[in-house]
Amino acid sequence: MSDGSAQQEIVMEPGKQEEERPPGFFARILAWIAHGGGGVAVREETLVVENDFILRVLPHRGRWCLLDRVVITPQKVVGFLTIRPEVCEGHAIGDDAVLPGVLLAEMANQLLGVWYATQHLELIGAGKVLFARDGSYKASGFIRPGELVRIEVDYGNLSGIMKTTRRGTIMKLEGKDFLVKVGEELRGSVPLVELMGVESPKTTSPT
């Protein structure tokens, strides 16, 4: 490539051949970057999504944006967050502030949404908002301010559909078996999250 970067490739789903990937996906990623789309780097078979891209996709801001960075490989989708004190504000065990366990499910929901946006760049800035339909979590250890949390899920455990009907555009996303770790220590898991979104059909004013 003219910018001197390494050979770039994104494998959309493990075990699938090139012709089975969404048509033009890789070309759209590169075109988006070339036209000033920030926050994404493609390194061989790894897609690194930085905060700039995440903020274009998610409506969350401040303490409620629970992803600093996302790394997508052919095998896994991994989100990273350094826990800030304000995220734990008002939630403590004794004198120690800890992350509310319910935010593990919210972190998984946000990771699912960012993953889907990398598959459908047309969603960026389109005003479509996905809402959590379901989410459960299991906490197996406390997470404290200053710790770097890694939430990961196998690529094959993520799925999403988007279809347009007379009622509008309907999206349904699902993710299963997320693991939440600090270092190599398991601190929690999220068995299932679902996101739903419906955008009403656009109408045109009579002329």
Protein backbone atom coordinates (compact mmCIF):
# COMPACT_ATOMS: atom_id res chain seq x y z
CA MET A 1 0.00 0.00 0.00
CA SER A 2 1.10 3.54 -0.61
CA ASP A 3 1.26 4.38 3.11
CA GLY A 4 3.90 1.70 3.61
CA SER A 5 1.82 -0.35 6.04
CA ALA A 6 2.13 -4.10 6.29
CA GLN A 7 0.00 -6.48 4.28
CA GLN A 8 -3.51 -6.01 5.61
CA GLU A 9 -6.20 -8.63 5.90
CA ILE A 10 -9.28 -9.13 8.00
CA VAL A 11 -10.73 -12.59 8.45
CA MET A 12 -14.42 -12.13 9.06
CA GLU A 13 -15.31 -15.54 10.46
CA PRO A 14 -13.12 -18.52 11.27
CA GLY A 15 -13.39 -21.28 8.72
CA LYS A 16 -15.09 -19.19 6.06
CA GLN A 17 -13.60 -18.56 2.67
CA GLU A 18 -13.01 -15.17 1.06
CA GLU A 19 -16.09 -15.35 -1.14
CA GLU A 20 -18.32 -15.94 1.90
CA ARG A 21 -17.38 -12.70 3.62
CA PRO A 22 -19.66 -9.69 3.25
CA PRO A 23 -18.97 -8.29 -0.25
CA GLY A 24 -16.57 -5.37 -0.24
CA PHE A 25 -16.11 -5.33 3.54
CA PHE A 26 -12.32 -5.02 3.48
CA ALA A 27 -12.47 -2.38 0.75
CA ARG A 28 -14.95 -0.35 2.82
CA ILE A 29 -12.69 -0.48 5.90
CA LEU A 30 -9.71 0.77 3.91
CA ALA A 31 -11.76 3.44 2.13
CA TRP A 32 -13.15 4.65 5.44
CA ILE A 33 -9.63 4.97 6.85
CA ALA A 34 -8.36 6.67 3.68
CA HIS A 35 -11.10 9.31 3.92
CA GLY A 36 -10.21 10.29 7.46
CA GLY A 37 -12.05 7.67 9.48
CA GLY A 38 -10.13 7.65 12.72
CA GLY A 39 -9.62 5.13 15.44
CA VAL A 40 -8.96 2.00 13.37
CA ALA A 41 -5.71 0.25 12.53
CA VAL A 42 -5.43 -2.94 10.48
CA ARG A 43 -2.37 -5.03 11.32
CA GLU A 44 -2.09 -8.24 9.35
CA GLU A 45 -5.10 -10.28 10.59
CA THR A 46 -5.89 -8.00 13.53
CA LEU A 47 -8.28 -5.06 13.61
CA VAL A 48 -7.47 -2.59 16.40
CA VAL A 49 -10.35 -0.27 17.25
CA GLU A 50 -9.44 2.77 19.33
CA ASN A 51 -11.62 5.12 21.36
CA ASP A 52 -12.28 7.50 18.45
CA PHE A 53 -14.10 4.78 16.51
CA ILE A 54 -15.88 3.52 19.62
CA LEU A 55 -17.34 6.98 20.29
CA ARG A 56 -18.62 7.14 16.71
CA VAL A 57 -20.53 3.91 17.29
CA LEU A 58 -21.77 4.00 20.88
CA PRO A 59 -24.02 6.65 22.43
CA HIS A 60 -22.24 6.26 25.79
CA ARG A 61 -20.00 9.02 27.11
CA GLY A 62 -17.94 9.66 30.22
CA ARG A 63 -18.17 6.97 32.88
CA TRP A 64 -20.74 5.02 30.86
CA CYS A 65 -18.40 4.28 27.95
CA LEU A 66 -16.95 1.01 29.20
CA LEU A 67 -14.45 0.31 26.41
CA ASP A 68 -11.13 2.04 25.81
CA ARG A 69 -10.04 -0.23 22.97
CA VAL A 70 -11.23 -3.31 21.06
CA VAL A 71 -9.05 -5.86 19.29
CA ILE A 72 -10.61 -8.20 16.71
CA THR A 73 -8.83 -11.29 15.43
CA PRO A 74 -10.12 -14.31 13.47
CA GLN A 75 -10.48 -16.13 16.79
CA LYS A 76 -11.61 -13.57 19.37
CA VAL A 77 -13.08 -10.15 19.99
CA VAL A 78 -11.45 -8.52 23.02
CA GLY A 79 -12.32 -5.29 24.79
CA PHE A 80 -10.09 -3.39 27.24
CA LEU A 81 -11.00 -0.93 29.97
CA THR A 82 -8.88 0.62 32.71
CA ILE A 83 -11.31 1.06 35.58
CA ARG A 84 -11.65 4.70 36.55
CA PRO A 85 -12.67 5.70 40.11
CA GLU A 86 -15.87 7.40 38.90
CA VAL A 87 -17.11 4.13 37.38
CA CYS A 88 -17.11 2.61 40.88
CA GLU A 89 -18.45 5.69 42.66
CA GLY A 90 -21.11 4.83 45.22
CA HIS A 91 -20.35 1.08 45.14
CA ALA A 92 -18.00 -0.32 47.78
CA ILE A 93 -17.21 -3.40 49.81
CA GLY A 94 -16.24 -2.04 53.21
CA ASP A 95 -14.00 0.92 52.44
CA ASP A 96 -12.92 -0.38 49.03
CA ALA A 97 -14.60 0.88 45.87
CA VAL A 98 -15.36 -1.94 43.43
CA LEU A 99 -16.92 -2.21 39.99
CA PRO A 100 -20.67 -2.98 40.09
CA GLY A 101 -21.13 -6.48 38.71
CA VAL A 102 -24.05 -5.40 36.53
CA LEU A 103 -21.60 -3.36 34.44
CA LEU A 104 -20.02 -6.59 33.20
CA ALA A 105 -23.16 -7.24 31.14
CA GLU A 106 -23.14 -3.64 29.92
CA MET A 107 -19.50 -3.98 28.88
CA ALA A 108 -20.41 -7.11 26.90
CA ASN A 109 -23.29 -5.27 25.23
CA GLN A 110 -20.97 -2.45 24.18
CA LEU A 111 -18.39 -4.91 22.84
CA LEU A 112 -21.11 -6.61 20.80
CA GLY A 113 -22.22 -3.28 19.35
CA VAL A 114 -18.69 -2.21 18.38
CA TRP A 115 -18.02 -5.59 16.76
CA TYR A 116 -21.18 -5.31 14.65
CA ALA A 117 -20.31 -1.78 13.54
CA THR A 118 -16.99 -3.03 12.14
CA GLN A 119 -19.03 -5.37 9.93
CA HIS A 120 -21.45 -2.62 8.87
CA LEU A 121 -19.67 0.71 8.55
CA GLU A 122 -22.84 2.28 7.20
CA LEU A 123 -24.14 2.29 10.78
CA ILE A 124 -21.51 4.80 11.90
CA GLY A 125 -23.11 8.18 12.40
CA ALA A 126 -26.43 6.93 11.04
CA GLY A 127 -28.27 7.60 14.28
CA LYS A 128 -29.25 3.97 14.84
CA VAL A 129 -29.24 3.07 18.53
CA LEU A 130 -29.37 -0.50 19.76
CA PHE A 131 -30.99 -1.26 23.10
CA ALA A 132 -30.08 -4.08 25.48
CA ARG A 133 -32.82 -6.70 25.45
CA ASP A 134 -31.22 -9.16 27.80
CA GLY A 135 -28.02 -9.55 29.75
CA SER A 136 -26.88 -11.69 32.66
CA TYR A 137 -23.57 -11.88 34.50
CA LYS A 138 -21.64 -13.87 37.09
CA ALA A 139 -19.01 -12.18 39.26
CA SER A 140 -16.23 -14.35 40.64
CA GLY A 141 -13.96 -11.64 42.05
CA PHE A 142 -13.87 -7.92 42.80
CA ILE A 143 -12.61 -5.43 40.22
CA ARG A 144 -11.09 -2.26 41.63
CA PRO A 145 -10.16 1.19 40.28
CA GLY A 146 -6.90 1.22 38.36
CA GLU A 147 -7.16 -2.38 37.18
CA LEU A 148 -7.04 -3.17 33.46
CA VAL A 149 -10.02 -5.33 32.58
CA ARG A 150 -10.11 -7.56 29.53
CA ILE A 151 -13.44 -8.88 28.29
CA GLU A 152 -13.18 -11.49 25.55
CA VAL A 153 -15.49 -13.65 23.48
CA ASP A 154 -14.91 -16.23 20.78
CA TYR A 155 -15.64 -14.80 17.34
CA GLY A 156 -18.00 -17.65 16.57
CA ASN A 157 -20.16 -16.75 19.58
CA LEU A 158 -21.24 -13.42 18.06
CA SER A 159 -24.05 -13.07 15.56
CA GLY A 160 -26.17 -10.30 14.11
CA ILE A 161 -28.87 -9.74 11.55
CA MET A 162 -30.18 -6.57 9.95
CA LYS A 163 -33.15 -6.56 7.62
CA THR A 164 -35.49 -3.96 6.19
CA THR A 165 -39.22 -4.51 6.13
CA ARG A 166 -42.25 -2.28 5.73
CA ARG A 167 -41.98 -1.59 9.47
CA GLY A 168 -38.45 -0.29 9.11
CA THR A 169 -34.93 -1.59 9.66
CA ILE A 170 -34.69 -4.27 12.32
CA MET A 171 -31.44 -5.33 13.97
CA LYS A 172 -30.87 -8.18 16.40
CA LEU A 173 -27.45 -8.99 17.84
CA GLU A 174 -26.45 -11.77 20.20
CA GLY A 175 -23.27 -12.68 22.08
CA LYS A 176 -22.54 -15.70 24.28
CA ASP A 177 -19.94 -16.76 26.83
CA PHE A 178 -17.93 -13.60 27.49
CA LEU A 179 -15.06 -13.93 29.97
CA VAL A 180 -13.91 -11.00 32.13
CA LYS A 181 -10.29 -11.09 33.29
CA VAL A 182 -7.71 -8.98 35.09
CA GLY A 183 -4.38 -10.29 33.90
CA GLU A 184 -4.99 -14.02 33.60
CA GLU A 185 -7.34 -14.12 36.58
CA LEU A 186 -11.01 -14.71 35.83
CA ARG A 187 -13.14 -12.10 37.59
CA GLY A 188 -16.49 -12.72 35.96
CA SER A 189 -18.46 -13.99 32.99
CA VAL A 190 -21.43 -12.98 30.90
CA PRO A 191 -23.36 -15.98 29.54
CA LEU A 192 -25.62 -14.07 27.15
CA VAL A 193 -26.39 -10.56 25.91
CA GLU A 194 -28.86 -9.45 23.26
CA LEU A 195 -29.27 -6.10 21.52
CA MET A 196 -32.31 -5.01 19.55
CA GLY A 197 -32.90 -1.97 17.38
CA VAL A 198 -35.70 -0.80 15.13
CA GLU A 199 -35.52 2.25 12.89
CA SER A 200 -38.82 3.45 11.48
CA PRO A 201 -39.07 3.67 7.69
CA LYS A 202 -38.12 7.03 6.27
CA THR A 203 -40.96 8.98 4.75
CA THR A 204 -40.69 11.72 2.17
CA SER A 205 -42.77 14.85 2.25
CA PRO A 206 -45.09 15.36 -0.71
CA THR A 207 -43.87 17.97 -3.14
